[in-house]
Each structure stands twice: as structure tokens, then as C-alpha cells.
């Protein structure tokens, strides 16, 4: 393939199965001057597997601000570079944002080389609505902050997707059950595309029990998908909700007012937004 000089290529790499690397991604990794990698040792395994000898440069959350100016200088001098993360698509809960942002600010072309990502992979096998969804990345590590974040999402009617660390999975599932209710449907995907891949769909209470049954289910790369909250007739916007919306609409646009009202009332944002538009029109 033809590589454009002075271009940054954002390359998606396998999340487990090395055969998922696309031919275009492989050609790109071979043709660029260097590969900026989250962990050069991890990326070296992939490059060796395909016989790629392109040198790597370490770029992770702890050194990104120091390394980026040198990489942007190389790009402006005409070198083509690739950005990869340890697995999946860079910038999706991975480093690289500063490099992409600074490259664009410097007038450097940035080209995506799409491919694997745990986010759409988990969504595709969950069987929940995926035309509209919310990706929350990793939940806060501290329990109080995590529960507060989940409370803010309690009224969300779109499908929710979270990444989680193995040592926090049981606590996160417990908090999801307590905040969203034990009967809400969810899916846990672990080790996607790898040898020990598992996906299990059940209620949040059942998912919590399923993980507790076997220690290995607390290991590996984990994605949690939760079905959006189903509104019921009893949850129609009423006078109390109107009062909340009227206060918020004095200072905020309808969209923001509806989001905050959903967090305060637990009602579906979609219904609150429709009512907020009506009320702001009356005003």
C-alpha cells in the first residue's frame, strides 16, 4: 500500500486473536518509520509474529506529554508514524489522545486504520439495542465514586457499556445490581477472541452469582453490557418533574436540563427532554 509522508496512522490491533490484524494494518506497520506503542514489549509480540521489523517508540499515559513533541517534529519533517495500543483501537480507553490532538494542531494528517475493538465486539453479541448506546469506559475505582456514577446513569434508556478490571469485577457487578436493580439484563464478556473467551447474558443478580461460581471468571479483559432502562406508563413525566424542569430551564438549555432532571428523578431522559422542549417553548 502507499504510505503518505508526514502522516500519523492510528492503527487498530487484535484484542486477542492475532489473526484479526487486517492486511491494511499489517502493510501500514511495515511501511511507517516507527510505531508509537503503549507497551513496546507487548507490541513486539505482534510485530515478531508477522515478521515486522519497524522500530517502536514507547508512548503511554505516564510519558505522553514528554514524548509527543518529538513525535510531532518527526511527522512535520516528513516521516510517517503509526500509533497502536496494547490491544484494540487506540484512544478508546487507551493512550494517544495527546498525540492525535497535537498532530492535528500542527497540521499533520491523521488517518484511521480501523479494526478490532472490545466495545463493538461485546455489543454485537449482547443482543441489546445498539443503534444508540453509552460507552462509559472504566468506572471509578473507589466504591463511593463508582456508585455515584451509576446513580447518575440510573435513568439512562440507552444500552450501557463498561470496561472493568478483574480485581473490581465483583464489586462493580454488586453495585450495578444495587443501583439498577437485580432484574436488569446484562452481559459479561471476558477474554474476547482469546482461547478462554466467555460471554454470558443474564440478569445483573445472576451475573454476579455466575462470576462468583468460578475464580477464573474474575480474570482477563472484561466488558460489561447493560440493557437500557425500560420506561413504564407509571414513569410518565408529571407535575413534580415539570417543577424540576422549570427550575433547570431558567439557566440551562433543554438538552442539559433533561439530562440533569433524569439524574435527579430517575425518569427516562427521552421523555424529560420532550417535555423540556415543550416547556421552553411555552416560556
Protein backbone atom coordinates (compact mmCIF):
# COMPACT_ATOMS: atom_id res chain seq x y z
CA UNK A 1 0.00 0.00 0.00
CA UNK A 2 1.01 3.61 -0.43
CA UNK A 3 2.01 5.42 2.76
CA UNK A 4 1.67 9.20 2.77
CA UNK A 5 4.75 11.04 4.12
CA UNK A 6 4.23 13.11 7.25
CA UNK A 7 1.08 11.24 8.23
CA UNK A 8 0.03 9.72 11.54
CA UNK A 9 -1.78 6.39 11.15
CA UNK A 10 -3.98 5.29 14.06
CA UNK A 11 -3.91 1.51 13.74
CA UNK A 12 -6.29 -0.94 15.44
CA UNK A 13 -4.59 -4.16 16.52
CA UNK A 14 -6.03 -7.51 17.70
CA UNK A 15 -7.70 -7.70 21.11
CA UNK A 16 -6.63 -11.32 21.44
CA UNK A 17 -6.56 -13.40 18.29
CA UNK A 18 -3.56 -12.27 16.24
CA UNK A 19 -5.31 -13.38 13.04
CA UNK A 20 -7.67 -10.41 13.42
CA UNK A 21 -4.98 -7.95 12.25
CA UNK A 22 -6.20 -6.59 8.91
CA UNK A 23 -3.99 -6.74 5.80
CA UNK A 24 -4.06 -2.93 5.61
CA UNK A 25 -2.95 -2.62 9.24
CA UNK A 26 -0.09 -5.04 8.59
CA UNK A 27 1.03 -3.14 5.49
CA UNK A 28 0.92 0.12 7.44
CA UNK A 29 3.01 -1.23 10.33
CA UNK A 30 5.60 -2.44 7.86
CA UNK A 31 5.77 0.80 5.89
CA UNK A 32 5.93 3.52 8.54
CA UNK A 33 9.17 4.83 10.02
CA UNK A 34 8.23 3.93 13.60
CA UNK A 35 5.36 2.59 15.71
CA UNK A 36 4.34 4.51 18.84
CA UNK A 37 3.20 1.77 21.21
CA UNK A 38 1.58 1.77 24.65
CA UNK A 39 3.87 -1.10 25.73
CA UNK A 40 6.70 -1.82 23.31
CA UNK A 41 7.20 -5.30 24.77
CA UNK A 42 3.56 -6.19 24.14
CA UNK A 43 3.61 -4.76 20.61
CA UNK A 44 6.87 -6.61 19.90
CA UNK A 45 4.99 -9.91 20.21
CA UNK A 46 2.61 -8.85 17.44
CA UNK A 47 5.36 -7.47 15.21
CA UNK A 48 7.52 -10.59 15.60
CA UNK A 49 4.53 -12.80 14.78
CA UNK A 50 4.21 -11.08 11.41
CA UNK A 51 7.93 -10.55 10.82
CA UNK A 52 7.64 -6.75 11.04
CA UNK A 53 10.96 -5.05 11.85
CA UNK A 54 9.73 -1.48 12.21
CA UNK A 55 11.23 0.18 15.32
CA UNK A 56 8.92 1.08 18.21
CA UNK A 57 8.69 4.12 20.48
CA UNK A 58 7.15 3.95 23.96
CA UNK A 59 4.05 6.15 24.32
CA UNK A 60 1.89 5.66 27.42
CA UNK A 61 -0.10 7.74 29.89
CA UNK A 62 2.94 8.50 32.05
CA UNK A 63 5.26 9.80 29.29
CA UNK A 64 2.89 11.01 26.57
CA UNK A 65 3.34 14.74 27.23
CA UNK A 66 7.13 14.38 27.12
CA UNK A 67 7.29 12.16 24.03
CA UNK A 68 4.64 13.81 21.84
CA UNK A 69 6.68 16.93 20.85
CA UNK A 70 9.44 14.70 19.42
CA UNK A 71 6.95 12.57 17.51
CA UNK A 72 5.17 15.62 16.09
CA UNK A 73 8.54 17.01 15.00
CA UNK A 74 9.25 13.77 13.15
CA UNK A 75 5.86 13.93 11.46
CA UNK A 76 6.40 17.54 10.40
CA UNK A 77 9.78 16.53 9.00
CA UNK A 78 8.02 14.10 6.66
CA UNK A 79 8.12 10.77 8.47
CA UNK A 80 5.05 8.57 8.58
CA UNK A 81 4.29 7.08 12.01
CA UNK A 82 1.78 4.58 13.38
CA UNK A 83 0.03 4.73 16.74
CA UNK A 84 -1.09 1.49 18.40
CA UNK A 85 -2.32 0.49 21.84
CA UNK A 86 -1.76 -2.83 23.59
CA UNK A 87 -4.97 -4.17 22.07
CA UNK A 88 -7.85 -2.84 20.04
CA UNK A 89 -8.38 0.70 18.79
CA UNK A 90 -6.16 3.48 20.21
CA UNK A 91 -7.81 6.26 22.26
CA UNK A 92 -10.76 4.01 23.24
CA UNK A 93 -9.84 3.91 26.95
CA UNK A 94 -6.19 3.86 25.83
CA UNK A 95 -3.42 6.48 25.47
CA UNK A 96 -2.90 8.51 22.31
CA UNK A 97 -5.28 11.45 22.66
CA UNK A 98 -2.50 13.99 23.18
CA UNK A 99 -0.52 12.77 20.18
CA UNK A 100 -3.55 12.86 17.87
CA UNK A 101 -4.61 16.27 19.16
CA UNK A 102 -1.14 17.81 18.86
CA UNK A 103 -0.60 16.29 15.42
CA UNK A 104 -3.84 17.83 14.19
CA UNK A 105 -2.95 21.18 15.73
CA UNK A 106 0.35 21.05 13.84
CA UNK A 107 -1.44 20.42 10.56
CA UNK A 108 -0.38 16.78 10.36
CA UNK A 109 -2.81 14.45 8.52
CA UNK A 110 -4.24 11.74 10.80
CA UNK A 111 -5.58 8.58 9.15
CA UNK A 112 -7.53 5.77 10.84
CA UNK A 113 -6.76 2.14 10.05
CA UNK A 114 -9.87 0.56 11.62
CA UNK A 115 -10.14 -2.88 13.08
CA UNK A 116 -10.74 -4.74 16.36
CA UNK A 117 -12.23 -3.15 19.46
CA UNK A 118 -13.74 -4.82 22.52
CA UNK A 119 -16.55 -2.23 22.59
CA UNK A 120 -18.39 -3.16 19.35
CA UNK A 121 -17.39 -6.82 19.77
CA UNK A 122 -19.26 -7.04 23.09
CA UNK A 123 -22.21 -5.02 21.78
CA UNK A 124 -22.54 -7.31 18.77
CA UNK A 125 -23.11 -10.43 20.89
CA UNK A 126 -25.24 -8.89 23.67
CA UNK A 127 -28.49 -8.72 21.75
CA UNK A 128 -29.41 -5.32 23.23
CA UNK A 129 -30.27 -2.19 21.26
CA UNK A 130 -27.05 -0.94 19.67
CA UNK A 131 -28.35 1.88 17.49
CA UNK A 132 -27.94 4.18 20.49
CA UNK A 133 -25.60 3.35 23.35
CA UNK A 134 -23.42 4.95 26.02
CA UNK A 135 -19.78 3.96 26.46
CA UNK A 136 -18.54 4.77 29.96
CA UNK A 137 -15.07 3.20 29.78
CA UNK A 138 -13.79 2.19 33.22
CA UNK A 139 -15.96 3.02 36.21
CA UNK A 140 -14.29 4.86 39.14
CA UNK A 141 -12.14 2.55 41.23
CA UNK A 142 -13.43 3.79 44.60
CA UNK A 143 -16.77 2.40 45.72
CA UNK A 144 -18.48 5.68 46.63
CA UNK A 145 -17.48 7.35 43.37
CA UNK A 146 -18.49 4.28 41.38
CA UNK A 147 -21.94 4.15 42.96
CA UNK A 148 -22.41 7.88 42.42
CA UNK A 149 -21.58 7.48 38.74
CA UNK A 150 -24.04 4.61 38.41
CA UNK A 151 -26.74 6.64 40.16
CA UNK A 152 -26.24 9.33 37.54
CA UNK A 153 -26.86 6.70 34.86
CA UNK A 154 -29.86 5.06 36.54
CA UNK A 155 -32.41 6.72 34.27
CA UNK A 156 -30.49 6.09 31.05
CA UNK A 157 -32.61 4.29 28.46
CA UNK A 158 -29.73 3.56 26.08
CA UNK A 159 -27.58 0.44 26.29
CA UNK A 160 -24.59 0.98 28.62
CA UNK A 161 -21.10 -0.42 28.06
CA UNK A 162 -18.33 -0.52 30.67
CA UNK A 163 -14.79 -1.86 30.77
CA UNK A 164 -13.70 -3.31 34.12
CA UNK A 165 -10.53 -4.57 35.78
CA UNK A 166 -10.53 -8.18 37.05
CA UNK A 167 -9.92 -7.25 40.70
CA UNK A 168 -13.01 -4.97 40.69
CA UNK A 169 -15.49 -7.03 38.68
CA UNK A 170 -17.40 -8.49 41.65
CA UNK A 171 -17.71 -5.13 43.38
CA UNK A 172 -18.86 -3.45 40.16
CA UNK A 173 -21.47 -6.11 39.47
CA UNK A 174 -22.72 -5.77 43.04
CA UNK A 175 -23.05 -2.00 42.64
CA UNK A 176 -24.77 -2.40 39.28
CA UNK A 177 -27.28 -4.79 40.84
CA UNK A 178 -27.96 -2.48 43.78
CA UNK A 179 -28.31 0.71 41.71
CA UNK A 180 -30.02 -0.60 38.55
CA UNK A 181 -31.99 -3.40 40.20
CA UNK A 182 -31.40 -7.16 40.24
CA UNK A 183 -33.71 -7.84 37.30
CA UNK A 184 -31.98 -5.60 34.75
CA UNK A 185 -30.46 -7.62 31.89
CA UNK A 186 -26.72 -7.55 31.34
CA UNK A 187 -23.92 -9.36 29.57
CA UNK A 188 -20.40 -10.05 30.75
CA UNK A 189 -17.79 -10.66 28.06
CA UNK A 190 -14.34 -11.84 29.07
CA UNK A 191 -11.23 -12.61 27.04
CA UNK A 192 -12.94 -11.74 23.74
CA UNK A 193 -11.34 -13.52 20.73
CA UNK A 194 -8.92 -15.36 23.04
CA UNK A 195 -8.67 -19.05 23.90
CA UNK A 196 -10.81 -18.78 27.03
CA UNK A 197 -13.43 -16.40 25.63
CA UNK A 198 -16.74 -16.37 27.50
CA UNK A 199 -19.90 -14.31 27.11
CA UNK A 200 -22.82 -14.73 29.49
CA UNK A 201 -26.12 -12.88 29.39
CA UNK A 202 -28.43 -12.88 32.40
CA UNK A 203 -29.96 -10.55 34.97
CA UNK A 204 -27.47 -8.48 36.96
CA UNK A 205 -28.16 -10.61 40.04
CA UNK A 206 -27.49 -13.79 38.04
CA UNK A 207 -24.33 -12.33 36.50
CA UNK A 208 -23.00 -11.58 39.97
CA UNK A 209 -23.65 -15.18 41.01
CA UNK A 210 -22.17 -16.55 37.78
CA UNK A 211 -18.87 -14.75 38.33
CA UNK A 212 -18.73 -15.90 41.96
CA UNK A 213 -19.11 -19.55 40.92
CA UNK A 214 -15.65 -19.87 39.36
CA UNK A 215 -12.47 -17.89 40.18
CA UNK A 216 -11.30 -17.77 36.55
CA UNK A 217 -14.30 -15.62 35.67
CA UNK A 218 -12.65 -12.76 37.56
CA UNK A 219 -9.64 -12.85 35.22
CA UNK A 220 -8.77 -11.38 31.85
CA UNK A 221 -10.11 -8.46 29.85
CA UNK A 222 -13.72 -7.74 30.87
CA UNK A 223 -16.59 -5.86 29.23
CA UNK A 224 -19.98 -5.32 30.89
CA UNK A 225 -23.01 -4.50 28.71
CA UNK A 226 -26.23 -3.43 30.46
CA UNK A 227 -29.61 -3.05 28.81
CA UNK A 228 -31.10 0.43 28.97
CA UNK A 229 -33.88 1.22 31.41
CA UNK A 230 -37.34 0.46 30.05
CA UNK A 231 -39.83 3.26 30.76
CA UNK A 232 -43.25 2.23 32.06
CA UNK A 233 -46.55 4.11 31.91
CA UNK A 234 -46.17 4.96 35.60
CA UNK A 235 -42.99 6.83 34.74
CA UNK A 236 -44.65 9.43 32.53
CA UNK A 237 -43.49 12.96 33.20
CA UNK A 238 -45.73 14.51 35.84
CA UNK A 239 -46.19 17.79 37.75
CA UNK A 240 -43.23 17.15 40.06
CA UNK A 241 -40.98 16.61 37.05
CA UNK A 242 -42.32 19.79 35.45
CA UNK A 243 -41.29 21.74 38.53
CA UNK A 244 -37.75 20.36 38.34
CA UNK A 245 -37.53 21.11 34.62
CA UNK A 246 -38.83 24.67 35.02
CA UNK A 247 -36.13 25.44 37.58
CA UNK A 248 -33.40 23.98 35.40
CA UNK A 249 -34.66 25.64 32.23
CA UNK A 250 -34.18 29.06 33.81
CA UNK A 251 -30.42 28.55 33.50
CA UNK A 252 -29.89 25.69 31.03
CA UNK A 253 -30.83 24.59 27.51
CA UNK A 254 -33.44 21.83 27.18
CA UNK A 255 -30.92 19.07 26.46
CA UNK A 256 -28.80 19.76 29.56
CA UNK A 257 -31.88 20.32 31.72
CA UNK A 258 -33.29 16.95 30.66
CA UNK A 259 -30.03 15.17 31.45
CA UNK A 260 -29.86 16.66 34.95
CA UNK A 261 -33.57 16.03 35.54
CA UNK A 262 -33.10 12.36 34.61
CA UNK A 263 -30.33 12.08 37.20
CA UNK A 264 -32.47 13.77 39.85
CA UNK A 265 -35.76 11.98 39.18
CA UNK A 266 -34.77 8.64 37.68
CA UNK A 267 -37.21 9.24 34.82
CA UNK A 268 -36.20 8.47 31.20
CA UNK A 269 -34.19 11.31 29.69
CA UNK A 270 -36.02 10.95 26.38
CA UNK A 271 -39.40 11.73 27.96
CA UNK A 272 -37.95 14.56 30.04
CA UNK A 273 -36.29 16.11 27.00
CA UNK A 274 -39.54 16.10 25.05
CA UNK A 275 -41.29 17.81 27.98
CA UNK A 276 -38.40 20.29 28.39
CA UNK A 277 -38.78 21.34 24.76
CA UNK A 278 -42.50 21.89 25.33
CA UNK A 279 -41.90 23.94 28.47
CA UNK A 280 -39.17 26.08 26.94
CA UNK A 281 -41.49 26.81 24.03
CA UNK A 282 -44.18 27.96 26.44
CA UNK A 283 -41.65 30.24 28.09
